[in-house]
Amino acid sequence: MAYFEWADDMEIDRGPIDQDHRLLVEQVNALHTATSQGVGQEVVAELLEALERDTIEHIRREEHFMHSVGYPETEGHRKGHQRFVDELRVLRQRQAQGHVTVAAQLSQLLRDWLSVHIRRNDKDVKVFLQRRERERDAAVLRGG
């Protein structure tokens, strides 16, 4: 069984955002597997580099999407993204300094990010879009 499993309640767009999130799930599971096999330290540097790169690209895509659809909480959401990137960078620095707990800290950070940010903050974007679609459909039915 995987350390973290994708679940239907994490689905946001059935497109690029979900693909990015699924990649994050794969990365956290790869880290957990390596750690449980005693080789977490060997893979953490490479994984941190990939995570930072992939996360920055994902955030750029997600924030562009939120802006394009007029999501009103984009700025608050952006601040959450920045905190996450900052935490990844701190872990990269700690890893470069030889701290041996980085793999475990990264694993927990990723698990928490997947559980909380995607299921709450990103889900709010989905709810916003669904509400806007219902309002548009209602307006069409009213003839407006």
C-alpha atoms as a PDB file:
ATOM      1  CA  MET A   1       0.000   0.000   0.000  1.00  0.00           C
ATOM      2  CA  ALA A   2       1.240   3.480  -0.896  1.00  0.00           C
ATOM      3  CA  TYR A   3       2.129   6.036   1.760  1.00  0.00           C
ATOM      4  CA  PHE A   4      -0.333   8.475   0.226  1.00  0.00           C
ATOM      5  CA  GLU A   5      -3.088   7.500  -2.168  1.00  0.00           C
ATOM      6  CA  TRP A   6      -4.915   9.655  -4.656  1.00  0.00           C
ATOM      7  CA  ALA A   7      -8.574   9.989  -3.757  1.00  0.00           C
ATOM      8  CA  ASP A   8     -11.586  11.296  -5.648  1.00  0.00           C
ATOM      9  CA  ASP A   9     -12.030  14.150  -3.177  1.00  0.00           C
ATOM     10  CA  MET A  10      -8.706  15.567  -4.388  1.00  0.00           C
ATOM     11  CA  GLU A  11      -9.974  16.003  -7.946  1.00  0.00           C
ATOM     12  CA  ILE A  12     -10.057  19.616  -9.089  1.00  0.00           C
ATOM     13  CA  ASP A  13     -10.177  19.861 -12.888  1.00  0.00           C
ATOM     14  CA  ARG A  14      -9.668  16.374 -14.362  1.00  0.00           C
ATOM     15  CA  GLY A  15      -6.912  18.015 -16.343  1.00  0.00           C
ATOM     16  CA  PRO A  16      -3.505  19.611 -15.867  1.00  0.00           C
ATOM     17  CA  ILE A  17      -3.983  20.598 -12.224  1.00  0.00           C
ATOM     18  CA  ASP A  18      -4.944  17.065 -11.240  1.00  0.00           C
ATOM     19  CA  GLN A  19      -2.040  15.704 -13.301  1.00  0.00           C
ATOM     20  CA  ASP A  20       0.338  17.945 -11.362  1.00  0.00           C
ATOM     21  CA  HIS A  21      -1.181  16.845  -8.065  1.00  0.00           C
ATOM     22  CA  ARG A  22      -0.895  13.190  -9.065  1.00  0.00           C
ATOM     23  CA  LEU A  23       2.790  13.745  -9.821  1.00  0.00           C
ATOM     24  CA  LEU A  24       3.192  15.133  -6.310  1.00  0.00           C
ATOM     25  CA  VAL A  25       1.525  11.997  -4.923  1.00  0.00           C
ATOM     26  CA  GLU A  26       3.980   9.858  -6.911  1.00  0.00           C
ATOM     27  CA  GLN A  27       6.899  11.910  -5.592  1.00  0.00           C
ATOM     28  CA  VAL A  28       5.856  11.631  -1.947  1.00  0.00           C
ATOM     29  CA  ASN A  29       5.371   7.891  -2.390  1.00  0.00           C
ATOM     30  CA  ALA A  30       8.790   7.533  -4.031  1.00  0.00           C
ATOM     31  CA  LEU A  31      10.368   9.378  -1.122  1.00  0.00           C
ATOM     32  CA  HIS A  32       8.533   7.248   1.418  1.00  0.00           C
ATOM     33  CA  THR A  33       9.563   4.045  -0.349  1.00  0.00           C
ATOM     34  CA  ALA A  34      13.201   5.143  -0.456  1.00  0.00           C
ATOM     35  CA  THR A  35      13.100   6.153   3.197  1.00  0.00           C
ATOM     36  CA  SER A  36      11.518   2.877   4.271  1.00  0.00           C
ATOM     37  CA  GLN A  37      14.237   1.021   2.348  1.00  0.00           C
ATOM     38  CA  GLY A  38      16.916   3.019   4.138  1.00  0.00           C
ATOM     39  CA  VAL A  39      17.986   5.044   1.102  1.00  0.00           C
ATOM     40  CA  GLY A  40      16.002   8.229   1.703  1.00  0.00           C
ATOM     41  CA  GLN A  41      19.134  10.327   2.066  1.00  0.00           C
ATOM     42  CA  GLU A  42      20.364   9.135  -1.313  1.00  0.00           C
ATOM     43  CA  VAL A  43      17.253  10.307  -3.166  1.00  0.00           C
ATOM     44  CA  VAL A  44      16.184  13.355  -1.164  1.00  0.00           C
ATOM     45  CA  ALA A  45      18.481  15.890  -2.886  1.00  0.00           C
ATOM     46  CA  GLU A  46      17.346  14.907  -6.356  1.00  0.00           C
ATOM     47  CA  LEU A  47      13.716  14.742  -5.266  1.00  0.00           C
ATOM     48  CA  LEU A  48      13.882  18.160  -3.602  1.00  0.00           C
ATOM     49  CA  GLU A  49      15.252  19.663  -6.795  1.00  0.00           C
ATOM     50  CA  ALA A  50      12.506  18.043  -8.881  1.00  0.00           C
ATOM     51  CA  LEU A  51       9.837  19.023  -6.367  1.00  0.00           C
ATOM     52  CA  GLU A  52      10.881  22.644  -6.320  1.00  0.00           C
ATOM     53  CA  ARG A  53      10.994  22.798 -10.132  1.00  0.00           C
ATOM     54  CA  ASP A  54       7.703  20.934 -10.622  1.00  0.00           C
ATOM     55  CA  THR A  55       5.958  22.826  -7.833  1.00  0.00           C
ATOM     56  CA  ILE A  56       6.944  26.235  -9.189  1.00  0.00           C
ATOM     57  CA  GLU A  57       5.688  25.251 -12.645  1.00  0.00           C
ATOM     58  CA  HIS A  58       2.463  23.856 -11.180  1.00  0.00           C
ATOM     59  CA  ILE A  59       1.875  26.967  -9.105  1.00  0.00           C
ATOM     60  CA  ARG A  60       2.418  29.191 -12.132  1.00  0.00           C
ATOM     61  CA  ARG A  61      -0.148  27.149 -14.069  1.00  0.00           C
ATOM     62  CA  GLU A  62      -2.641  27.024 -11.197  1.00  0.00           C
ATOM     63  CA  GLU A  63      -2.401  30.735 -10.388  1.00  0.00           C
ATOM     64  CA  HIS A  64      -2.805  31.638 -14.074  1.00  0.00           C
ATOM     65  CA  PHE A  65      -5.887  29.433 -14.185  1.00  0.00           C
ATOM     66  CA  MET A  66      -7.358  31.016 -11.031  1.00  0.00           C
ATOM     67  CA  HIS A  67      -6.745  34.499 -12.401  1.00  0.00           C
ATOM     68  CA  SER A  68      -8.256  33.590 -15.791  1.00  0.00           C
ATOM     69  CA  VAL A  69     -11.501  32.380 -14.201  1.00  0.00           C
ATOM     70  CA  GLY A  70     -11.762  35.338 -11.833  1.00  0.00           C
ATOM     71  CA  TYR A  71     -11.275  33.384  -8.627  1.00  0.00           C
ATOM     72  CA  PRO A  72     -11.638  36.031  -5.887  1.00  0.00           C
ATOM     73  CA  GLU A  73      -9.240  34.418  -3.393  1.00  0.00           C
ATOM     74  CA  THR A  74      -6.280  34.135  -5.770  1.00  0.00           C
ATOM     75  CA  GLU A  75      -4.001  36.346  -3.656  1.00  0.00           C
ATOM     76  CA  GLY A  76      -4.557  34.369  -0.439  1.00  0.00           C
ATOM     77  CA  HIS A  77      -4.087  31.138  -2.344  1.00  0.00           C
ATOM     78  CA  ARG A  78      -0.869  32.518  -3.845  1.00  0.00           C
ATOM     79  CA  LYS A  79       0.477  33.256  -0.362  1.00  0.00           C
ATOM     80  CA  GLY A  80      -0.109  29.626   0.627  1.00  0.00           C
ATOM     81  CA  HIS A  81       1.799  28.515  -2.451  1.00  0.00           C
ATOM     82  CA  GLN A  82       4.687  30.808  -1.582  1.00  0.00           C
ATOM     83  CA  ARG A  83       4.883  29.414   1.960  1.00  0.00           C
ATOM     84  CA  PHE A  84       5.106  25.901   0.548  1.00  0.00           C
ATOM     85  CA  VAL A  85       7.886  26.842  -1.892  1.00  0.00           C
ATOM     86  CA  ASP A  86       9.709  28.604   0.944  1.00  0.00           C
ATOM     87  CA  GLU A  87       9.479  25.433   3.054  1.00  0.00           C
ATOM     88  CA  LEU A  88      10.859  23.353   0.185  1.00  0.00           C
ATOM     89  CA  ARG A  89      13.777  25.769  -0.149  1.00  0.00           C
ATOM     90  CA  VAL A  90      14.510  25.623   3.575  1.00  0.00           C
ATOM     91  CA  LEU A  91      14.579  21.830   3.377  1.00  0.00           C
ATOM     92  CA  ARG A  92      16.930  21.999   0.376  1.00  0.00           C
ATOM     93  CA  GLN A  93      19.271  24.213   2.389  1.00  0.00           C
ATOM     94  CA  ARG A  94      19.099  21.884   5.376  1.00  0.00           C
ATOM     95  CA  GLN A  95      19.769  18.889   3.161  1.00  0.00           C
ATOM     96  CA  ALA A  96      22.787  20.633   1.617  1.00  0.00           C
ATOM     97  CA  GLN A  97      24.066  21.276   5.150  1.00  0.00           C
ATOM     98  CA  GLY A  98      23.872  17.553   5.887  1.00  0.00           C
ATOM     99  CA  HIS A  99      20.827  17.389   8.164  1.00  0.00           C
ATOM    100  CA  VAL A 100      19.727  13.772   8.291  1.00  0.00           C
ATOM    101  CA  THR A 101      16.075  14.415   9.151  1.00  0.00           C
ATOM    102  CA  VAL A 102      15.234  16.169   5.876  1.00  0.00           C
ATOM    103  CA  ALA A 103      13.744  13.110   4.165  1.00  0.00           C
ATOM    104  CA  ALA A 104      11.281  12.553   7.022  1.00  0.00           C
ATOM    105  CA  GLN A 105      10.451  16.260   7.221  1.00  0.00           C
ATOM    106  CA  LEU A 106       9.888  16.425   3.467  1.00  0.00           C
ATOM    107  CA  SER A 107       7.688  13.363   3.544  1.00  0.00           C
ATOM    108  CA  GLN A 108       5.518  14.916   6.243  1.00  0.00           C
ATOM    109  CA  LEU A 109       5.427  18.304   4.495  1.00  0.00           C
ATOM    110  CA  LEU A 110       4.253  16.709   1.262  1.00  0.00           C
ATOM    111  CA  ARG A 111       1.661  14.531   2.952  1.00  0.00           C
ATOM    112  CA  ASP A 112       0.263  17.531   4.822  1.00  0.00           C
ATOM    113  CA  TRP A 113       0.297  19.681   1.691  1.00  0.00           C
ATOM    114  CA  LEU A 114      -1.604  17.044  -0.253  1.00  0.00           C
ATOM    115  CA  SER A 115      -4.084  16.489   2.554  1.00  0.00           C
ATOM    116  CA  VAL A 116      -4.733  20.082   3.519  1.00  0.00           C
ATOM    117  CA  HIS A 117      -3.943  22.383   0.617  1.00  0.00           C
ATOM    118  CA  ILE A 118      -5.471  20.314  -2.164  1.00  0.00           C
ATOM    119  CA  ARG A 119      -8.473  19.094  -0.205  1.00  0.00           C
ATOM    120  CA  ARG A 120      -9.276  22.530   1.192  1.00  0.00           C
ATOM    121  CA  ASN A 121      -7.732  25.422  -0.699  1.00  0.00           C
ATOM    122  CA  ASP A 122      -7.725  23.940  -4.182  1.00  0.00           C
ATOM    123  CA  LYS A 123     -11.159  22.460  -3.569  1.00  0.00           C
ATOM    124  CA  ASP A 124     -12.418  26.011  -2.932  1.00  0.00           C
ATOM    125  CA  VAL A 125     -11.493  26.847  -6.531  1.00  0.00           C
ATOM    126  CA  LYS A 126     -13.535  23.896  -7.758  1.00  0.00           C
ATOM    127  CA  VAL A 127     -16.509  24.934  -5.616  1.00  0.00           C
ATOM    128  CA  PHE A 128     -16.236  28.499  -6.963  1.00  0.00           C
ATOM    129  CA  LEU A 129     -16.309  27.213 -10.546  1.00  0.00           C
ATOM    130  CA  GLN A 130     -19.255  24.914  -9.869  1.00  0.00           C
ATOM    131  CA  ARG A 131     -21.221  27.740  -8.225  1.00  0.00           C
ATOM    132  CA  ARG A 132     -20.455  30.091 -11.102  1.00  0.00           C
ATOM    133  CA  GLU A 133     -21.597  27.450 -13.592  1.00  0.00           C
ATOM    134  CA  ARG A 134     -24.876  26.899 -11.685  1.00  0.00           C
ATOM    135  CA  GLU A 135     -25.485  30.662 -11.614  1.00  0.00           C
ATOM    136  CA  ARG A 136     -24.814  30.907 -15.353  1.00  0.00           C
ATOM    137  CA  ASP A 137     -27.174  27.985 -16.038  1.00  0.00           C
ATOM    138  CA  ALA A 138     -29.859  29.584 -13.860  1.00  0.00           C
ATOM    139  CA  ALA A 139     -29.477  32.875 -15.732  1.00  0.00           C
ATOM    140  CA  VAL A 140     -29.864  31.070 -19.063  1.00  0.00           C
ATOM    141  CA  LEU A 141     -33.032  29.373 -17.815  1.00  0.00           C
ATOM    142  CA  ARG A 142     -34.424  32.734 -16.715  1.00  0.00           C
ATOM    143  CA  GLY A 143     -33.697  34.090 -20.169  1.00  0.00           C
ATOM    144  CA  GLY A 144     -30.954  36.410 -18.991  1.00  0.00           C
END
